[in-house]
């Protein structure tokens, strides 16, 4: 049985051993193949293929399509990660802009307390005052009357009537009489 030299060369390319490397599994810095690795493998397959039994074109096209799909998915994944970062940054900028825009404005702050029976927060008091400062470290807070309140406690900005339903009734009765 004669052994063809191209078959030996082809097998040698598949099972290349590098004695310089401690382990063949750890030969790469990571266990993932990059696009460059793919192209190197493709070039080696073409270079060392058996001339009597060349590589199938459809198989090569399938490999190229798979690599292209993988590359597209990787780029999409990176774009989603970048979008998440941009969204977080935009949210921070928006919150900072909103809170600093409250400086010098009259606000109504809700003083809340948790109901022991239901566990829900309920408003027990309201504080009106002018925002004199904004704390942007950690959770955004505003200072009203020298006290620090969470931004989430701001109920209203400006002079807002206490009970809007009663004011609407008064206006509608005034219009009926006129």
C-alpha atoms as a PDB file:
ATOM      1  CA  UNK A   1       0.000   0.000   0.000  1.00  0.00           C
ATOM      2  CA  UNK A   2       1.569   3.234  -1.180  1.00  0.00           C
ATOM      3  CA  UNK A   3       1.243   6.413   0.875  1.00  0.00           C
ATOM      4  CA  UNK A   4       0.742   9.607  -1.061  1.00  0.00           C
ATOM      5  CA  UNK A   5       3.044  12.506  -0.012  1.00  0.00           C
ATOM      6  CA  UNK A   6       0.199  15.038  -0.222  1.00  0.00           C
ATOM      7  CA  UNK A   7      -1.844  12.929   2.216  1.00  0.00           C
ATOM      8  CA  UNK A   8       1.039  12.959   4.688  1.00  0.00           C
ATOM      9  CA  UNK A   9       1.427  16.716   4.252  1.00  0.00           C
ATOM     10  CA  UNK A  10      -2.307  17.196   4.732  1.00  0.00           C
ATOM     11  CA  UNK A  11      -2.296  15.084   7.906  1.00  0.00           C
ATOM     12  CA  UNK A  12       0.767  16.930   9.181  1.00  0.00           C
ATOM     13  CA  UNK A  13      -1.001  20.276   8.800  1.00  0.00           C
ATOM     14  CA  UNK A  14      -3.984  18.984  10.793  1.00  0.00           C
ATOM     15  CA  UNK A  15      -1.886  17.662  13.680  1.00  0.00           C
ATOM     16  CA  UNK A  16       0.869  20.229  13.957  1.00  0.00           C
ATOM     17  CA  UNK A  17       2.693  19.954  17.281  1.00  0.00           C
ATOM     18  CA  UNK A  18       4.646  22.820  18.757  1.00  0.00           C
ATOM     19  CA  UNK A  19       7.128  21.570  21.375  1.00  0.00           C
ATOM     20  CA  UNK A  20       7.720  25.169  22.570  1.00  0.00           C
ATOM     21  CA  UNK A  21       4.243  25.291  24.089  1.00  0.00           C
ATOM     22  CA  UNK A  22       3.662  23.700  27.483  1.00  0.00           C
ATOM     23  CA  UNK A  23       0.303  22.251  26.531  1.00  0.00           C
ATOM     24  CA  UNK A  24      -1.422  22.241  23.201  1.00  0.00           C
ATOM     25  CA  UNK A  25      -4.793  23.086  24.762  1.00  0.00           C
ATOM     26  CA  UNK A  26      -3.281  26.183  26.374  1.00  0.00           C
ATOM     27  CA  UNK A  27      -1.430  27.252  23.256  1.00  0.00           C
ATOM     28  CA  UNK A  28      -3.755  30.177  22.725  1.00  0.00           C
ATOM     29  CA  UNK A  29      -4.192  33.029  25.185  1.00  0.00           C
ATOM     30  CA  UNK A  30      -7.917  32.330  25.120  1.00  0.00           C
ATOM     31  CA  UNK A  31      -9.897  29.307  24.040  1.00  0.00           C
ATOM     32  CA  UNK A  32     -11.845  31.215  21.398  1.00  0.00           C
ATOM     33  CA  UNK A  33     -11.123  31.451  17.710  1.00  0.00           C
ATOM     34  CA  UNK A  34     -10.871  34.860  16.142  1.00  0.00           C
ATOM     35  CA  UNK A  35     -11.554  35.815  12.546  1.00  0.00           C
ATOM     36  CA  UNK A  36      -7.801  35.811  11.914  1.00  0.00           C
ATOM     37  CA  UNK A  37      -7.566  32.248  13.261  1.00  0.00           C
ATOM     38  CA  UNK A  38     -10.366  31.223  10.920  1.00  0.00           C
ATOM     39  CA  UNK A  39      -8.604  32.696   7.884  1.00  0.00           C
ATOM     40  CA  UNK A  40      -5.329  30.988   8.872  1.00  0.00           C
ATOM     41  CA  UNK A  41      -7.117  27.642   9.140  1.00  0.00           C
ATOM     42  CA  UNK A  42      -8.848  28.197   5.808  1.00  0.00           C
ATOM     43  CA  UNK A  43      -5.515  29.064   4.129  1.00  0.00           C
ATOM     44  CA  UNK A  44      -3.893  25.947   5.633  1.00  0.00           C
ATOM     45  CA  UNK A  45      -6.780  23.776   4.386  1.00  0.00           C
ATOM     46  CA  UNK A  46      -6.420  25.171   0.876  1.00  0.00           C
ATOM     47  CA  UNK A  47      -2.624  24.956   0.912  1.00  0.00           C
ATOM     48  CA  UNK A  48      -2.434  21.358   2.105  1.00  0.00           C
ATOM     49  CA  UNK A  49      -5.496  19.894   0.427  1.00  0.00           C
ATOM     50  CA  UNK A  50      -5.249  16.664  -1.525  1.00  0.00           C
ATOM     51  CA  UNK A  51      -5.074  17.527  -5.218  1.00  0.00           C
ATOM     52  CA  UNK A  52      -6.804  14.249  -6.120  1.00  0.00           C
ATOM     53  CA  UNK A  53      -9.654  15.033  -3.723  1.00  0.00           C
ATOM     54  CA  UNK A  54      -9.930  18.834  -3.457  1.00  0.00           C
ATOM     55  CA  UNK A  55     -11.982  20.621  -0.824  1.00  0.00           C
ATOM     56  CA  UNK A  56     -15.688  20.840  -1.629  1.00  0.00           C
ATOM     57  CA  UNK A  57     -16.757  24.366  -2.678  1.00  0.00           C
ATOM     58  CA  UNK A  58     -20.079  24.136  -0.855  1.00  0.00           C
ATOM     59  CA  UNK A  59     -18.311  23.075   2.355  1.00  0.00           C
ATOM     60  CA  UNK A  60     -15.955  26.043   2.040  1.00  0.00           C
ATOM     61  CA  UNK A  61     -18.894  28.409   1.416  1.00  0.00           C
ATOM     62  CA  UNK A  62     -20.725  26.990   4.451  1.00  0.00           C
ATOM     63  CA  UNK A  63     -17.676  27.669   6.606  1.00  0.00           C
ATOM     64  CA  UNK A  64     -17.404  31.218   5.269  1.00  0.00           C
ATOM     65  CA  UNK A  65     -21.111  31.878   5.896  1.00  0.00           C
ATOM     66  CA  UNK A  66     -20.822  30.528   9.444  1.00  0.00           C
ATOM     67  CA  UNK A  67     -17.825  32.751  10.133  1.00  0.00           C
ATOM     68  CA  UNK A  68     -19.627  35.749   8.683  1.00  0.00           C
ATOM     69  CA  UNK A  69     -22.682  35.025  10.857  1.00  0.00           C
ATOM     70  CA  UNK A  70     -20.512  34.649  13.939  1.00  0.00           C
ATOM     71  CA  UNK A  71     -18.764  37.919  13.170  1.00  0.00           C
ATOM     72  CA  UNK A  72     -22.114  39.689  12.737  1.00  0.00           C
ATOM     73  CA  UNK A  73     -23.429  38.312  16.032  1.00  0.00           C
ATOM     74  CA  UNK A  74     -20.260  39.441  17.812  1.00  0.00           C
ATOM     75  CA  UNK A  75     -20.613  42.952  16.399  1.00  0.00           C
ATOM     76  CA  UNK A  76     -24.294  43.028  17.391  1.00  0.00           C
ATOM     77  CA  UNK A  77     -23.420  41.915  20.908  1.00  0.00           C
ATOM     78  CA  UNK A  78     -20.815  44.679  21.188  1.00  0.00           C
ATOM     79  CA  UNK A  79     -23.320  47.239  19.868  1.00  0.00           C
ATOM     80  CA  UNK A  80     -25.900  46.200  22.481  1.00  0.00           C
ATOM     81  CA  UNK A  81     -23.277  46.505  25.234  1.00  0.00           C
ATOM     82  CA  UNK A  82     -22.312  49.964  23.968  1.00  0.00           C
ATOM     83  CA  UNK A  83     -25.978  50.984  23.768  1.00  0.00           C
ATOM     84  CA  UNK A  84     -26.447  49.961  27.396  1.00  0.00           C
ATOM     85  CA  UNK A  85     -23.495  52.121  28.434  1.00  0.00           C
ATOM     86  CA  UNK A  86     -24.776  55.089  26.432  1.00  0.00           C
ATOM     87  CA  UNK A  87     -28.256  54.679  27.937  1.00  0.00           C
ATOM     88  CA  UNK A  88     -26.844  54.642  31.472  1.00  0.00           C
ATOM     89  CA  UNK A  89     -24.752  57.733  30.764  1.00  0.00           C
ATOM     90  CA  UNK A  90     -27.727  59.534  29.230  1.00  0.00           C
ATOM     91  CA  UNK A  91     -29.859  58.653  32.243  1.00  0.00           C
ATOM     92  CA  UNK A  92     -27.221  60.092  34.574  1.00  0.00           C
ATOM     93  CA  UNK A  93     -26.950  63.291  32.532  1.00  0.00           C
ATOM     94  CA  UNK A  94     -30.742  63.677  32.459  1.00  0.00           C
ATOM     95  CA  UNK A  95     -31.027  63.179  36.221  1.00  0.00           C
ATOM     96  CA  UNK A  96     -28.212  65.661  36.856  1.00  0.00           C
ATOM     97  CA  UNK A  97     -29.771  68.235  34.531  1.00  0.00           C
ATOM     98  CA  UNK A  98     -33.190  67.837  36.137  1.00  0.00           C
ATOM     99  CA  UNK A  99     -31.915  68.067  39.713  1.00  0.00           C
ATOM    100  CA  UNK A 100     -29.691  71.102  39.083  1.00  0.00           C
ATOM    101  CA  UNK A 101     -32.615  72.748  37.275  1.00  0.00           C
ATOM    102  CA  UNK A 102     -34.481  72.672  40.599  1.00  0.00           C
ATOM    103  CA  UNK A 103     -31.991  75.067  42.223  1.00  0.00           C
ATOM    104  CA  UNK A 104     -33.807  78.202  43.349  1.00  0.00           C
ATOM    105  CA  UNK A 105     -37.250  76.727  42.634  1.00  0.00           C
ATOM    106  CA  UNK A 106     -39.985  76.213  45.172  1.00  0.00           C
ATOM    107  CA  UNK A 107     -40.770  72.511  45.648  1.00  0.00           C
ATOM    108  CA  UNK A 108     -43.106  70.391  47.721  1.00  0.00           C
ATOM    109  CA  UNK A 109     -41.415  67.476  49.464  1.00  0.00           C
ATOM    110  CA  UNK A 110     -43.363  64.406  50.595  1.00  0.00           C
ATOM    111  CA  UNK A 111     -42.502  63.013  54.005  1.00  0.00           C
ATOM    112  CA  UNK A 112     -43.424  59.327  53.846  1.00  0.00           C
ATOM    113  CA  UNK A 113     -43.640  56.468  56.247  1.00  0.00           C
ATOM    114  CA  UNK A 114     -44.301  52.753  55.692  1.00  0.00           C
ATOM    115  CA  UNK A 115     -47.676  51.442  56.797  1.00  0.00           C
ATOM    116  CA  UNK A 116     -47.019  48.470  59.101  1.00  0.00           C
ATOM    117  CA  UNK A 117     -50.154  46.605  57.994  1.00  0.00           C
ATOM    118  CA  UNK A 118     -49.856  46.920  54.210  1.00  0.00           C
ATOM    119  CA  UNK A 119     -46.140  47.679  53.878  1.00  0.00           C
ATOM    120  CA  UNK A 120     -46.923  50.528  51.463  1.00  0.00           C
ATOM    121  CA  UNK A 121     -45.491  54.012  51.826  1.00  0.00           C
ATOM    122  CA  UNK A 122     -47.956  56.734  52.707  1.00  0.00           C
ATOM    123  CA  UNK A 123     -47.532  60.485  52.848  1.00  0.00           C
ATOM    124  CA  UNK A 124     -47.666  61.720  56.438  1.00  0.00           C
ATOM    125  CA  UNK A 125     -46.550  65.319  55.877  1.00  0.00           C
ATOM    126  CA  UNK A 126     -45.491  67.806  53.195  1.00  0.00           C
ATOM    127  CA  UNK A 127     -42.717  70.364  53.299  1.00  0.00           C
ATOM    128  CA  UNK A 128     -42.626  73.403  50.992  1.00  0.00           C
ATOM    129  CA  UNK A 129     -39.444  75.331  50.395  1.00  0.00           C
ATOM    130  CA  UNK A 130     -36.842  76.552  47.961  1.00  0.00           C
ATOM    131  CA  UNK A 131     -34.118  74.179  46.747  1.00  0.00           C
ATOM    132  CA  UNK A 132     -30.839  75.647  47.982  1.00  0.00           C
ATOM    133  CA  UNK A 133     -28.516  72.829  46.990  1.00  0.00           C
ATOM    134  CA  UNK A 134     -28.177  69.544  45.089  1.00  0.00           C
ATOM    135  CA  UNK A 135     -26.024  66.577  46.137  1.00  0.00           C
ATOM    136  CA  UNK A 136     -24.911  64.559  43.103  1.00  0.00           C
ATOM    137  CA  UNK A 137     -22.812  61.990  44.981  1.00  0.00           C
ATOM    138  CA  UNK A 138     -24.532  58.632  45.240  1.00  0.00           C
ATOM    139  CA  UNK A 139     -28.316  58.954  45.150  1.00  0.00           C
ATOM    140  CA  UNK A 140     -29.269  62.440  43.957  1.00  0.00           C
ATOM    141  CA  UNK A 141     -30.602  64.584  46.800  1.00  0.00           C
ATOM    142  CA  UNK A 142     -31.870  68.157  47.199  1.00  0.00           C
ATOM    143  CA  UNK A 143     -31.561  70.510  50.125  1.00  0.00           C
ATOM    144  CA  UNK A 144     -34.683  72.353  51.227  1.00  0.00           C
ATOM    145  CA  UNK A 145     -34.715  74.404  54.434  1.00  0.00           C
ATOM    146  CA  UNK A 146     -31.257  73.087  55.326  1.00  0.00           C
ATOM    147  CA  UNK A 147     -32.410  69.453  55.272  1.00  0.00           C
ATOM    148  CA  UNK A 148     -31.440  66.786  52.758  1.00  0.00           C
ATOM    149  CA  UNK A 149     -34.229  64.972  50.862  1.00  0.00           C
ATOM    150  CA  UNK A 150     -34.081  62.299  48.159  1.00  0.00           C
ATOM    151  CA  UNK A 151     -34.990  63.537  44.701  1.00  0.00           C
ATOM    152  CA  UNK A 152     -37.741  60.902  44.649  1.00  0.00           C
ATOM    153  CA  UNK A 153     -39.480  62.782  47.489  1.00  0.00           C
ATOM    154  CA  UNK A 154     -40.104  65.862  45.322  1.00  0.00           C
ATOM    155  CA  UNK A 155     -43.870  65.918  44.703  1.00  0.00           C
ATOM    156  CA  UNK A 156     -44.302  69.238  42.938  1.00  0.00           C
ATOM    157  CA  UNK A 157     -42.283  72.107  41.542  1.00  0.00           C
ATOM    158  CA  UNK A 158     -43.653  75.628  41.841  1.00  0.00           C
ATOM    159  CA  UNK A 159     -46.945  76.751  43.367  1.00  0.00           C
ATOM    160  CA  UNK A 160     -49.382  73.880  42.889  1.00  0.00           C
ATOM    161  CA  UNK A 161     -52.899  74.114  44.409  1.00  0.00           C
ATOM    162  CA  UNK A 162     -53.495  71.664  47.269  1.00  0.00           C
ATOM    163  CA  UNK A 163     -56.627  69.925  45.962  1.00  0.00           C
ATOM    164  CA  UNK A 164     -57.130  70.304  42.239  1.00  0.00           C
ATOM    165  CA  UNK A 165     -60.651  68.741  42.290  1.00  0.00           C
ATOM    166  CA  UNK A 166     -61.988  71.430  44.649  1.00  0.00           C
ATOM    167  CA  UNK A 167     -60.469  74.209  42.524  1.00  0.00           C
ATOM    168  CA  UNK A 168     -62.007  72.746  39.355  1.00  0.00           C
ATOM    169  CA  UNK A 169     -65.444  72.605  41.060  1.00  0.00           C
ATOM    170  CA  UNK A 170     -65.162  76.241  42.102  1.00  0.00           C
ATOM    171  CA  UNK A 171     -64.251  77.360  38.600  1.00  0.00           C
ATOM    172  CA  UNK A 172     -67.071  75.369  36.995  1.00  0.00           C
ATOM    173  CA  UNK A 173     -69.625  76.839  39.458  1.00  0.00           C
ATOM    174  CA  UNK A 174     -68.354  80.344  38.733  1.00  0.00           C
ATOM    175  CA  UNK A 175     -68.779  79.743  34.996  1.00  0.00           C
ATOM    176  CA  UNK A 176     -72.368  78.487  35.514  1.00  0.00           C
ATOM    177  CA  UNK A 177     -73.348  81.669  37.377  1.00  0.00           C
ATOM    178  CA  UNK A 178     -71.871  84.001  34.816  1.00  0.00           C
END
